[in-house]
PDB file of N, CA and C in Angstrom:
ATOM      1  N   MET A   1     141.911  93.343 121.578  1.00  0.00           N
ATOM      2  CA  MET A   1     140.645  92.758 121.779  1.00  0.00           C
ATOM      3  C   MET A   1     139.616  93.884 121.891  1.00  0.00           C
ATOM      4  N   ILE A   2     139.762  94.847 122.904  1.00  0.00           N
ATOM      5  CA  ILE A   2     138.968  95.908 123.141  1.00  0.00           C
ATOM      6  C   ILE A   2     138.461  96.746 121.765  1.00  0.00           C
ATOM      7  N   ARG A   3     139.542  96.841 121.087  1.00  0.00           N
ATOM      8  CA  ARG A   3     139.512  97.638 119.848  1.00  0.00           C
ATOM      9  C   ARG A   3     138.630  96.728 118.777  1.00  0.00           C
ATOM     10  N   ILE A   4     138.746  95.576 118.870  1.00  0.00           N
ATOM     11  CA  ILE A   4     137.907  94.830 117.794  1.00  0.00           C
ATOM     12  C   ILE A   4     136.342  94.777 118.433  1.00  0.00           C
ATOM     13  N   ALA A   5     136.064  94.663 119.850  1.00  0.00           N
ATOM     14  CA  ALA A   5     134.891  94.782 120.238  1.00  0.00           C
ATOM     15  C   ALA A   5     134.224  96.046 120.122  1.00  0.00           C
ATOM     16  N   ALA A   6     135.172  97.310 120.188  1.00  0.00           N
ATOM     17  CA  ALA A   6     134.641  98.619 119.859  1.00  0.00           C
ATOM     18  C   ALA A   6     134.029  98.768 118.330  1.00  0.00           C
ATOM     19  N   ILE A   7     134.848  98.122 117.591  1.00  0.00           N
ATOM     20  CA  ILE A   7     134.391  98.180 116.081  1.00  0.00           C
ATOM     21  C   ILE A   7     133.397  97.494 115.919  1.00  0.00           C
ATOM     22  N   SER A   8     133.054  96.254 116.215  1.00  0.00           N
ATOM     23  CA  SER A   8     131.842  95.523 116.140  1.00  0.00           C
ATOM     24  C   SER A   8     130.736  96.022 116.755  1.00  0.00           C
ATOM     25  N   LEU A   9     130.670  96.586 117.855  1.00  0.00           N
ATOM     26  CA  LEU A   9     129.532  97.372 118.460  1.00  0.00           C
ATOM     27  C   LEU A   9     129.364  98.614 117.492  1.00  0.00           C
ATOM     28  N   LEU A  10     130.268  99.376 117.001  1.00  0.00           N
ATOM     29  CA  LEU A  10     130.078 100.452 116.151  1.00  0.00           C
ATOM     30  C   LEU A  10     129.554  99.686 114.785  1.00  0.00           C
ATOM     31  N   ILE A  11     129.831  99.158 114.097  1.00  0.00           N
ATOM     32  CA  ILE A  11     129.105  98.396 112.958  1.00  0.00           C
ATOM     33  C   ILE A  11     127.624  98.022 113.301  1.00  0.00           C
ATOM     34  N   LEU A  12     127.562  97.337 114.677  1.00  0.00           N
ATOM     35  CA  LEU A  12     126.290  96.793 114.736  1.00  0.00           C
ATOM     36  C   LEU A  12     125.228  98.154 115.031  1.00  0.00           C
ATOM     37  N   ILE A  13     125.817  99.241 115.785  1.00  0.00           N
ATOM     38  CA  ILE A  13     125.054 100.211 115.903  1.00  0.00           C
ATOM     39  C   ILE A  13     124.669 100.977 114.644  1.00  0.00           C
ATOM     40  N   ALA A  14     125.707 100.939 113.826  1.00  0.00           N
ATOM     41  CA  ALA A  14     125.539 101.866 112.676  1.00  0.00           C
ATOM     42  C   ALA A  14     124.452 100.919 111.521  1.00  0.00           C
ATOM     43  N   SER A  15     124.629  99.742 111.599  1.00  0.00           N
ATOM     44  CA  SER A  15     123.626  98.838 110.836  1.00  0.00           C
ATOM     45  C   SER A  15     121.990  99.005 111.291  1.00  0.00           C
ATOM     46  N   CYS A  16     121.824  99.168 112.516  1.00  0.00           N
ATOM     47  CA  CYS A  16     120.469  99.385 112.900  1.00  0.00           C
ATOM     48  C   CYS A  16     119.802 100.632 112.602  1.00  0.00           C
ATOM     49  N   SER A  17     118.852 100.922 112.102  1.00  0.00           N
ATOM     50  CA  SER A  17     118.317 102.045 111.746  1.00  0.00           C
ATOM     51  C   SER A  17     117.016 102.302 112.277  1.00  0.00           C
ATOM     52  N   ARG A  18     116.552 103.323 112.729  1.00  0.00           N
ATOM     53  CA  ARG A  18     115.425 103.823 113.357  1.00  0.00           C
ATOM     54  C   ARG A  18     114.378 103.768 112.230  1.00  0.00           C
ATOM     55  N   SER A  19     114.686 104.369 111.150  1.00  0.00           N
ATOM     56  CA  SER A  19     113.536 104.332 109.987  1.00  0.00           C
ATOM     57  C   SER A  19     113.738 103.141 108.980  1.00  0.00           C
ATOM     58  N   ILE A  20     112.571 103.079 108.386  1.00  0.00           N
ATOM     59  CA  ILE A  20     112.242 101.827 107.588  1.00  0.00           C
ATOM     60  C   ILE A  20     112.625 102.643 106.111  1.00  0.00           C
ATOM     61  N   GLU A  21     113.312 101.928 105.212  1.00  0.00           N
ATOM     62  CA  GLU A  21     113.575 102.402 104.004  1.00  0.00           C
ATOM     63  C   GLU A  21     112.312 102.494 103.223  1.00  0.00           C
ATOM     64  N   ARG A  22     111.882 103.553 102.626  1.00  0.00           N
ATOM     65  CA  ARG A  22     110.850 103.807 102.152  1.00  0.00           C
ATOM     66  C   ARG A  22     110.800 103.207 100.780  1.00  0.00           C
ATOM     67  N   VAL A  23     109.615 102.450 100.167  1.00  0.00           N
ATOM     68  CA  VAL A  23     109.621 101.535  98.869  1.00  0.00           C
ATOM     69  C   VAL A  23     109.192 102.476  97.971  1.00  0.00           C
ATOM     70  N   PRO A  24     109.536 102.718  96.770  1.00  0.00           N
ATOM     71  CA  PRO A  24     108.894 103.757  95.875  1.00  0.00           C
ATOM     72  C   PRO A  24     107.283 103.230  95.472  1.00  0.00           C
ATOM     73  N   ALA A  25     106.548 104.118  95.040  1.00  0.00           N
ATOM     74  CA  ALA A  25     105.061 103.718  94.549  1.00  0.00           C
ATOM     75  C   ALA A  25     105.071 102.700  93.408  1.00  0.00           C
ATOM     76  N   PRO A  26     104.830 101.464  93.346  1.00  0.00           N
ATOM     77  CA  PRO A  26     104.687 100.763  92.399  1.00  0.00           C
ATOM     78  C   PRO A  26     103.648 101.099  91.396  1.00  0.00           C
ATOM     79  N   LYS A  27     103.939 100.534  90.297  1.00  0.00           N
ATOM     80  CA  LYS A  27     102.941 100.754  88.934  1.00  0.00           C
ATOM     81  C   LYS A  27     101.961 100.014  89.301  1.00  0.00           C
ATOM     82  N   GLY A  28     100.593 100.586  89.301  1.00  0.00           N
ATOM     83  CA  GLY A  28      99.395  99.978  89.587  1.00  0.00           C
ATOM     84  C   GLY A  28      99.127  99.782  91.403  1.00  0.00           C
ATOM     85  N   LEU A  29      99.484 100.942  92.051  1.00  0.00           N
ATOM     86  CA  LEU A  29      99.396 100.889  93.357  1.00  0.00           C
ATOM     87  C   LEU A  29      98.140 100.823  93.549  1.00  0.00           C
ATOM     88  N   VAL A  30      97.704  99.969  94.487  1.00  0.00           N
ATOM     89  CA  VAL A  30      96.149  99.673  95.008  1.00  0.00           C
ATOM     90  C   VAL A  30      95.819 101.116  95.848  1.00  0.00           C
ATOM     91  N   PRO A  31      94.807 101.762  95.532  1.00  0.00           N
ATOM     92  CA  PRO A  31      94.558 103.028  96.137  1.00  0.00           C
ATOM     93  C   PRO A  31      94.163 102.485  97.728  1.00  0.00           C
ATOM     94  N   LYS A  32      94.440 103.496  98.703  1.00  0.00           N
ATOM     95  CA  LYS A  32      94.220 103.264 100.064  1.00  0.00           C
ATOM     96  C   LYS A  32      92.951 102.619 100.633  1.00  0.00           C
ATOM     97  N   ASP A  33      91.769 103.420  99.975  1.00  0.00           N
ATOM     98  CA  ASP A  33      90.494 102.871 100.503  1.00  0.00           C
ATOM     99  C   ASP A  33      90.144 101.466  99.922  1.00  0.00           C
ATOM    100  N   LYS A  34      90.657 100.978  98.762  1.00  0.00           N
ATOM    101  CA  LYS A  34      90.660  99.652  98.319  1.00  0.00           C
ATOM    102  C   LYS A  34      91.321  98.806  99.002  1.00  0.00           C
ATOM    103  N   MET A  35      92.630  99.175  99.303  1.00  0.00           N
ATOM    104  CA  MET A  35      93.590  98.385 100.389  1.00  0.00           C
ATOM    105  C   MET A  35      92.922  98.166 101.574  1.00  0.00           C
ATOM    106  N   VAL A  36      92.106  99.116 102.200  1.00  0.00           N
ATOM    107  CA  VAL A  36      91.510  98.814 103.538  1.00  0.00           C
ATOM    108  C   VAL A  36      90.418  97.579 103.214  1.00  0.00           C
ATOM    109  N   ARG A  37      89.784  97.659 102.219  1.00  0.00           N
ATOM    110  CA  ARG A  37      88.678  96.562 102.073  1.00  0.00           C
ATOM    111  C   ARG A  37      89.430  95.382 101.852  1.00  0.00           C
ATOM    112  N   VAL A  38      90.350  95.255 101.007  1.00  0.00           N
ATOM    113  CA  VAL A  38      91.265  93.893 100.727  1.00  0.00           C
ATOM    114  C   VAL A  38      91.823  93.502 101.935  1.00  0.00           C
ATOM    115  N   VAL A  39      92.409  94.297 102.617  1.00  0.00           N
ATOM    116  CA  VAL A  39      93.116  93.731 104.010  1.00  0.00           C
ATOM    117  C   VAL A  39      92.050  93.232 104.853  1.00  0.00           C
ATOM    118  N   LYS A  40      90.882  93.898 105.115  1.00  0.00           N
ATOM    119  CA  LYS A  40      89.916  93.530 105.872  1.00  0.00           C
ATOM    120  C   LYS A  40      89.509  92.127 105.644  1.00  0.00           C
ATOM    121  N   ASP A  41      89.126  91.851 104.345  1.00  0.00           N
ATOM    122  CA  ASP A  41      88.602  90.548 103.871  1.00  0.00           C
ATOM    123  C   ASP A  41      89.862  89.612 104.077  1.00  0.00           C
ATOM    124  N   MET A  42      90.853  89.890 103.631  1.00  0.00           N
ATOM    125  CA  MET A  42      92.088  89.027 103.845  1.00  0.00           C
ATOM    126  C   MET A  42      92.341  88.619 105.110  1.00  0.00           C
ATOM    127  N   MET A  43      92.134  89.400 106.159  1.00  0.00           N
ATOM    128  CA  MET A  43      92.213  89.005 107.634  1.00  0.00           C
ATOM    129  C   MET A  43      91.253  88.251 108.001  1.00  0.00           C
ATOM    130  N   ILE A  44      89.748  88.493 107.402  1.00  0.00           N
ATOM    131  CA  ILE A  44      88.722  87.402 107.510  1.00  0.00           C
ATOM    132  C   ILE A  44      89.120  86.054 107.448  1.00  0.00           C
ATOM    133  N   LEU A  45      89.388  85.983 106.069  1.00  0.00           N
ATOM    134  CA  LEU A  45      89.628  84.738 105.456  1.00  0.00           C
ATOM    135  C   LEU A  45      90.725  84.029 106.160  1.00  0.00           C
ATOM    136  N   GLU A  46      91.894  84.763 106.232  1.00  0.00           N
ATOM    137  CA  GLU A  46      92.846  84.149 107.170  1.00  0.00           C
ATOM    138  C   GLU A  46      92.518  83.376 108.543  1.00  0.00           C
ATOM    139  N   SER A  47      91.536  84.393 109.229  1.00  0.00           N
ATOM    140  CA  SER A  47      91.025  83.704 110.452  1.00  0.00           C
ATOM    141  C   SER A  47      90.160  82.481 110.510  1.00  0.00           C
ATOM    142  N   HIS A  48      89.308  82.489 109.238  1.00  0.00           N
ATOM    143  CA  HIS A  48      88.430  81.491 109.102  1.00  0.00           C
ATOM    144  C   HIS A  48      89.326  80.249 108.761  1.00  0.00           C
ATOM    145  N   ILE A  49      90.404  80.436 107.826  1.00  0.00           N
ATOM    146  CA  ILE A  49      91.323  79.084 107.518  1.00  0.00           C
ATOM    147  C   ILE A  49      91.961  78.946 108.673  1.00  0.00           C
ATOM    148  N   GLN A  50      92.526  79.699 109.447  1.00  0.00           N
ATOM    149  CA  GLN A  50      93.511  79.079 110.554  1.00  0.00           C
ATOM    150  C   GLN A  50      92.457  78.486 111.554  1.00  0.00           C
ATOM    151  N   ALA A  51      91.155  79.001 111.681  1.00  0.00           N
ATOM    152  CA  ALA A  51      90.425  78.292 112.760  1.00  0.00           C
ATOM    153  C   ALA A  51      90.152  76.907 112.442  1.00  0.00           C
ATOM    154  N   ASN A  52      90.048  76.581 111.000  1.00  0.00           N
ATOM    155  CA  ASN A  52      89.879  75.314 110.377  1.00  0.00           C
ATOM    156  C   ASN A  52      90.947  74.577 110.321  1.00  0.00           C
ATOM    157  N   TYR A  53      92.104  75.127 110.122  1.00  0.00           N
ATOM    158  CA  TYR A  53      93.370  73.987 109.938  1.00  0.00           C
ATOM    159  C   TYR A  53      94.209  74.126 111.022  1.00  0.00           C
ATOM    160  N   GLY A  54      94.330  75.207 111.896  1.00  0.00           N
ATOM    161  CA  GLY A  54      95.196  75.094 112.880  1.00  0.00           C
ATOM    162  C   GLY A  54      96.758  75.666 112.721  1.00  0.00           C
ATOM    163  N   GLN A  55      97.371  74.713 112.118  1.00  0.00           N
ATOM    164  CA  GLN A  55      98.719  74.907 111.882  1.00  0.00           C
ATOM    165  C   GLN A  55      99.054  75.704 110.653  1.00  0.00           C
ATOM    166  N   VAL A  56     100.126  76.586 110.521  1.00  0.00           N
ATOM    167  CA  VAL A  56     100.450  77.162 109.299  1.00  0.00           C
ATOM    168  C   VAL A  56     100.723  76.226 108.323  1.00  0.00           C
ATOM    169  N   SER A  57     101.515  75.203 108.431  1.00  0.00           N
ATOM    170  CA  SER A  57     101.969  74.256 107.711  1.00  0.00           C
ATOM    171  C   SER A  57     101.011  73.369 106.774  1.00  0.00           C
ATOM    172  N   MET A  58      99.659  73.428 107.682  1.00  0.00           N
ATOM    173  CA  MET A  58      98.529  72.790 107.092  1.00  0.00           C
ATOM    174  C   MET A  58      97.733  73.731 106.212  1.00  0.00           C
ATOM    175  N   TYR A  59      97.679  74.955 106.662  1.00  0.00           N
ATOM    176  CA  TYR A  59      96.500  75.923 105.960  1.00  0.00           C
ATOM    177  C   TYR A  59      97.449  76.926 104.942  1.00  0.00           C
ATOM    178  N   TYR A  60      98.853  76.525 104.751  1.00  0.00           N
ATOM    179  CA  TYR A  60      99.553  77.496 103.911  1.00  0.00           C
ATOM    180  C   TYR A  60      98.918  77.735 102.484  1.00  0.00           C
ATOM    181  N   LYS A  61      98.799  76.534 101.834  1.00  0.00           N
ATOM    182  CA  LYS A  61      98.433  76.447 100.609  1.00  0.00           C
ATOM    183  C   LYS A  61      96.904  76.676 100.181  1.00  0.00           C
ATOM    184  N   VAL A  62      95.973  76.389 101.356  1.00  0.00           N
ATOM    185  CA  VAL A  62      94.788  76.638 101.118  1.00  0.00           C
ATOM    186  C   VAL A  62      94.730  78.251 101.044  1.00  0.00           C
ATOM    187  N   MET A  63      95.504  78.934 101.934  1.00  0.00           N
ATOM    188  CA  MET A  63      95.506  80.317 102.148  1.00  0.00           C
ATOM    189  C   MET A  63      96.004  80.862 100.836  1.00  0.00           C
ATOM    190  N   GLN A  64      96.952  80.074 100.037  1.00  0.00           N
ATOM    191  CA  GLN A  64      97.374  80.868  99.078  1.00  0.00           C
ATOM    192  C   GLN A  64      96.322  80.992  97.886  1.00  0.00           C
ATOM    193  N   ARG A  65      95.889  79.739  97.771  1.00  0.00           N
ATOM    194  CA  ARG A  65      94.756  79.767  96.813  1.00  0.00           C
ATOM    195  C   ARG A  65      93.401  80.494  97.243  1.00  0.00           C
ATOM    196  N   SER A  66      92.936  80.587  98.525  1.00  0.00           N
ATOM    197  CA  SER A  66      91.707  81.206  98.816  1.00  0.00           C
ATOM    198  C   SER A  66      92.021  82.873  98.677  1.00  0.00           C
ATOM    199  N   GLY A  67      93.497  83.117  99.176  1.00  0.00           N
ATOM    200  CA  GLY A  67      93.799  84.640  98.905  1.00  0.00           C
ATOM    201  C   GLY A  67      93.780  84.948  97.480  1.00  0.00           C
ATOM    202  N   ASP A  68      94.092  84.082  96.271  1.00  0.00           N
ATOM    203  CA  ASP A  68      94.258  84.677  94.984  1.00  0.00           C
ATOM    204  C   ASP A  68      92.913  84.795  94.856  1.00  0.00           C
ATOM    205  N   SER A  69      92.121  83.823  95.070  1.00  0.00           N
ATOM    206  CA  SER A  69      90.736  84.011  94.543  1.00  0.00           C
ATOM    207  C   SER A  69      89.863  85.124  95.153  1.00  0.00           C
ATOM    208  N   LEU A  70      90.390  85.741  96.478  1.00  0.00           N
ATOM    209  CA  LEU A  70      89.862  86.677  96.989  1.00  0.00           C
ATOM    210  C   LEU A  70      90.266  87.918  96.110  1.00  0.00           C
ATOM    211  N   LEU A  71      91.618  87.936  95.985  1.00  0.00           N
ATOM    212  CA  LEU A  71      92.030  89.137  95.088  1.00  0.00           C
ATOM    213  C   LEU A  71      91.458  89.275  93.761  1.00  0.00           C
ATOM    214  N   GLU A  72      91.070  88.273  93.287  1.00  0.00           N
ATOM    215  CA  GLU A  72      90.476  88.356  91.988  1.00  0.00           C
ATOM    216  C   GLU A  72      89.223  89.049  91.982  1.00  0.00           C
ATOM    217  N   THR A  73      88.533  89.050  93.065  1.00  0.00           N
ATOM    218  CA  THR A  73      87.270  89.682  93.199  1.00  0.00           C
ATOM    219  C   THR A  73      87.129  91.088  93.477  1.00  0.00           C
ATOM    220  N   PHE A  74      88.523  91.573  93.758  1.00  0.00           N
ATOM    221  CA  PHE A  74      88.821  92.951  93.674  1.00  0.00           C
ATOM    222  C   PHE A  74      89.754  93.414  92.480  1.00  0.00           C
ATOM    223  N   ASN A  75      89.759  92.430  91.257  1.00  0.00           N
ATOM    224  CA  ASN A  75      90.349  92.980  90.338  1.00  0.00           C
ATOM    225  C   ASN A  75      91.997  92.829  90.596  1.00  0.00           C
ATOM    226  N   LEU A  76      92.512  92.146  91.271  1.00  0.00           N
ATOM    227  CA  LEU A  76      93.806  92.492  91.825  1.00  0.00           C
ATOM    228  C   LEU A  76      94.492  91.145  91.497  1.00  0.00           C
ATOM    229  N   ASP A  77      95.814  90.957  91.430  1.00  0.00           N
ATOM    230  CA  ASP A  77      96.489  89.785  91.340  1.00  0.00           C
ATOM    231  C   ASP A  77      97.624  89.882  92.544  1.00  0.00           C
ATOM    232  N   ARG A  78      98.265  88.740  92.640  1.00  0.00           N
ATOM    233  CA  ARG A  78      99.197  88.864  94.102  1.00  0.00           C
ATOM    234  C   ARG A  78     100.381  89.708  93.957  1.00  0.00           C
ATOM    235  N   THR A  79     101.048  89.932  92.658  1.00  0.00           N
ATOM    236  CA  THR A  79     101.772  90.601  92.581  1.00  0.00           C
ATOM    237  C   THR A  79     101.616  92.197  92.843  1.00  0.00           C
ATOM    238  N   SER A  80     100.601  92.554  92.319  1.00  0.00           N
ATOM    239  CA  SER A  80     100.173  94.070  92.758  1.00  0.00           C
ATOM    240  C   SER A  80      99.716  94.067  94.103  1.00  0.00           C
ATOM    241  N   TYR A  81      99.156  93.148  94.837  1.00  0.00           N
ATOM    242  CA  TYR A  81      98.941  93.349  96.229  1.00  0.00           C
ATOM    243  C   TYR A  81     100.069  93.214  97.230  1.00  0.00           C
ATOM    244  N   GLU A  82     101.255  92.387  96.629  1.00  0.00           N
ATOM    245  CA  GLU A  82     102.330  92.494  97.426  1.00  0.00           C
ATOM    246  C   GLU A  82     103.179  93.683  97.675  1.00  0.00           C
ATOM    247  N   ALA A  83     103.177  94.118  96.101  1.00  0.00           N
ATOM    248  CA  ALA A  83     103.839  95.542  95.938  1.00  0.00           C
ATOM    249  C   ALA A  83     103.145  96.570  96.602  1.00  0.00           C
ATOM    250  N   SER A  84     102.004  96.532  96.637  1.00  0.00           N
ATOM    251  CA  SER A  84     101.088  97.742  97.432  1.00  0.00           C
ATOM    252  C   SER A  84     101.517  97.492  99.034  1.00  0.00           C
ATOM    253  N   MET A  85     101.389  96.324  99.475  1.00  0.00           N
ATOM    254  CA  MET A  85     101.614  96.124 100.783  1.00  0.00           C
ATOM    255  C   MET A  85     103.027  96.468 101.369  1.00  0.00           C
ATOM    256  N   ASP A  86     104.093  95.979 100.419  1.00  0.00           N
ATOM    257  CA  ASP A  86     105.419  96.659 100.438  1.00  0.00           C
ATOM    258  C   ASP A  86     105.430  98.250 100.402  1.00  0.00           C
ATOM    259  N   TYR A  87     104.762  98.846  99.559  1.00  0.00           N
ATOM    260  CA  TYR A  87     104.743 100.319  99.885  1.00  0.00           C
ATOM    261  C   TYR A  87     104.151 100.724 101.185  1.00  0.00           C
ATOM    262  N   TYR A  88     102.895 100.563 101.274  1.00  0.00           N
ATOM    263  CA  TYR A  88     102.207 100.795 102.441  1.00  0.00           C
ATOM    264  C   TYR A  88     103.163 100.412 103.781  1.00  0.00           C
ATOM    265  N   GLY A  89     103.728  99.258 103.701  1.00  0.00           N
ATOM    266  CA  GLY A  89     104.309  98.854 104.959  1.00  0.00           C
ATOM    267  C   GLY A  89     105.823  99.699 105.169  1.00  0.00           C
ATOM    268  N   SER A  90     106.084 100.328 104.296  1.00  0.00           N
ATOM    269  CA  SER A  90     107.382 101.102 104.283  1.00  0.00           C
ATOM    270  C   SER A  90     107.008 102.616 104.734  1.00  0.00           C
ATOM    271  N   ARG A  91     105.878 102.699 105.064  1.00  0.00           N
ATOM    272  CA  ARG A  91     105.175 104.004 105.432  1.00  0.00           C
ATOM    273  C   ARG A  91     104.169 103.567 106.522  1.00  0.00           C
ATOM    274  N   GLN A  92     105.043 103.601 107.809  1.00  0.00           N
ATOM    275  CA  GLN A  92     104.110 102.881 109.178  1.00  0.00           C
ATOM    276  C   GLN A  92     102.829 103.625 109.380  1.00  0.00           C
ATOM    277  N   ASP A  93     102.612 104.857 109.038  1.00  0.00           N
ATOM    278  CA  ASP A  93     101.590 105.695 109.514  1.00  0.00           C
ATOM    279  C   ASP A  93     100.533 105.353 108.668  1.00  0.00           C
ATOM    280  N   GLU A  94     100.590 105.234 107.154  1.00  0.00           N
ATOM    281  CA  GLU A  94      99.468 104.829 106.353  1.00  0.00           C
ATOM    282  C   GLU A  94      99.312 103.231 106.519  1.00  0.00           C
ATOM    283  N   MET A  95     100.096 102.382 106.964  1.00  0.00           N
ATOM    284  CA  MET A  95      99.813 101.129 106.889  1.00  0.00           C
ATOM    285  C   MET A  95      98.812 100.922 108.314  1.00  0.00           C
ATOM    286  N   GLN A  96      99.338 101.656 109.380  1.00  0.00           N
ATOM    287  CA  GLN A  96      98.482 101.775 110.669  1.00  0.00           C
ATOM    288  C   GLN A  96      97.046 102.203 110.439  1.00  0.00           C
ATOM    289  N   ALA A  97      97.149 103.075 109.625  1.00  0.00           N
ATOM    290  CA  ALA A  97      95.745 103.734 109.205  1.00  0.00           C
ATOM    291  C   ALA A  97      94.842 102.701 108.506  1.00  0.00           C
ATOM    292  N   ILE A  98      95.603 101.869 107.678  1.00  0.00           N
ATOM    293  CA  ILE A  98      94.886 100.810 106.959  1.00  0.00           C
ATOM    294  C   ILE A  98      94.276  99.635 107.857  1.00  0.00           C
ATOM    295  N   TYR A  99      95.060  99.159 108.595  1.00  0.00           N
ATOM    296  CA  TYR A  99      94.719  98.400 109.724  1.00  0.00           C
ATOM    297  C   TYR A  99      93.429  98.877 110.576  1.00  0.00           C
ATOM    298  N   SER A 100      93.657  99.974 110.902  1.00  0.00           N
ATOM    299  CA  SER A 100      92.596 100.407 111.970  1.00  0.00           C
ATOM    300  C   SER A 100      91.498 100.705 111.130  1.00  0.00           C
ATOM    301  N   GLU A 101      91.417 100.995 109.942  1.00  0.00           N
ATOM    302  CA  GLU A 101      90.163 101.317 109.031  1.00  0.00           C
ATOM    303  C   GLU A 101      89.489 100.132 108.927  1.00  0.00           C
ATOM    304  N   SER A 102      90.402  98.886 108.628  1.00  0.00           N
ATOM    305  CA  SER A 102      89.870  97.460 108.439  1.00  0.00           C
ATOM    306  C   SER A 102      89.419  97.065 109.501  1.00  0.00           C
ATOM    307  N   LEU A 103      89.768  97.307 110.630  1.00  0.00           N
ATOM    308  CA  LEU A 103      89.183  96.866 112.005  1.00  0.00           C
ATOM    309  C   LEU A 103      87.935  97.671 112.354  1.00  0.00           C
ATOM    310  N   GLU A 104      87.758  98.765 111.967  1.00  0.00           N
ATOM    311  CA  GLU A 104      86.745  99.560 112.294  1.00  0.00           C
ATOM    312  C   GLU A 104      85.486  98.836 111.214  1.00  0.00           C
ATOM    313  N   LEU A 105      85.931  98.545 110.003  1.00  0.00           N
ATOM    314  CA  LEU A 105      85.046  98.116 109.104  1.00  0.00           C
ATOM    315  C   LEU A 105      84.331  96.727 109.454  1.00  0.00           C
ATOM    316  N   MET A 106      85.458  95.927 110.221  1.00  0.00           N
ATOM    317  CA  MET A 106      85.050  94.658 110.697  1.00  0.00           C
ATOM    318  C   MET A 106      84.139  94.828 112.018  1.00  0.00           C
ATOM    319  N   ASN A 107      84.551  95.682 112.855  1.00  0.00           N
ATOM    320  CA  ASN A 107      83.479  96.039 113.831  1.00  0.00           C
ATOM    321  C   ASN A 107      82.275  96.480 113.547  1.00  0.00           C
ATOM    322  N   GLU A 108      82.025  97.257 112.634  1.00  0.00           N
ATOM    323  CA  GLU A 108      80.640  97.734 112.106  1.00  0.00           C
ATOM    324  C   GLU A 108      80.128  96.454 111.526  1.00  0.00           C
ATOM    325  N   GLU A 109      80.621  95.621 110.757  1.00  0.00           N
ATOM    326  CA  GLU A 109      79.814  94.535 110.299  1.00  0.00           C
ATOM    327  C   GLU A 109      79.513  93.432 111.472  1.00  0.00           C
ATOM    328  N   LEU A 110      80.278  93.294 112.421  1.00  0.00           N
ATOM    329  CA  LEU A 110      79.995  92.655 113.492  1.00  0.00           C
ATOM    330  C   LEU A 110      78.848  93.203 114.333  1.00  0.00           C
ATOM    331  N   GLY A 111      78.789  94.462 114.487  1.00  0.00           N
ATOM    332  CA  GLY A 111      77.602  95.461 114.822  1.00  0.00           C
ATOM    333  C   GLY A 111      76.480  95.002 114.242  1.00  0.00           C
ATOM    334  N   GLU A 112      76.582  94.975 112.972  1.00  0.00           N
ATOM    335  CA  GLU A 112      75.242  94.723 111.903  1.00  0.00           C
ATOM    336  C   GLU A 112      74.674  93.177 112.471  1.00  0.00           C
ATOM    337  N   LEU A 113      75.690  92.272 112.447  1.00  0.00           N
ATOM    338  CA  LEU A 113      75.258  90.885 112.288  1.00  0.00           C
ATOM    339  C   LEU A 113      74.545  90.672 113.881  1.00  0.00           C
ATOM    340  N   GLU A 114      75.093  91.445 114.793  1.00  0.00           N
ATOM    341  CA  GLU A 114      74.481  91.266 116.170  1.00  0.00           C
ATOM    342  C   GLU A 114      73.167  91.843 116.262  1.00  0.00           C
ATOM    343  N   SER A 115      72.950  92.801 115.564  1.00  0.00           N
ATOM    344  CA  SER A 115      71.734  93.454 115.711  1.00  0.00           C
ATOM    345  C   SER A 115      70.727  92.755 114.898  1.00  0.00           C
ATOM    346  N   GLU A 116      70.924  91.834 114.098  1.00  0.00           N
ATOM    347  CA  GLU A 116      69.959  91.299 113.344  1.00  0.00           C
ATOM    348  C   GLU A 116      69.424  89.931 114.096  1.00  0.00           C
TER     349      GLU A 116
END
């Protein structure tokens, strides 16, 4: 019994990895500076929809349609956006930088709105 528990623990420890498997760059990778703007607008859109609909089950389809429409304004489709998110998400430093820069842009816009 102890042997089975030890083997199970070893398998569990071996299956947990501290690093995320890096996704190769997809064809048509969205450049980082554009991704910052897309993520910023997507977060604002999601916040607006969530405030109006409350529950995920209610706003899921609205978010999909609105998100696709937003992506069109950046000349992107959902496939390239998701592939780029997977790529940047597998590189934690880059993804953190994208979210940090998006937040900075939102704060700048908020500052401009408050000063008006």
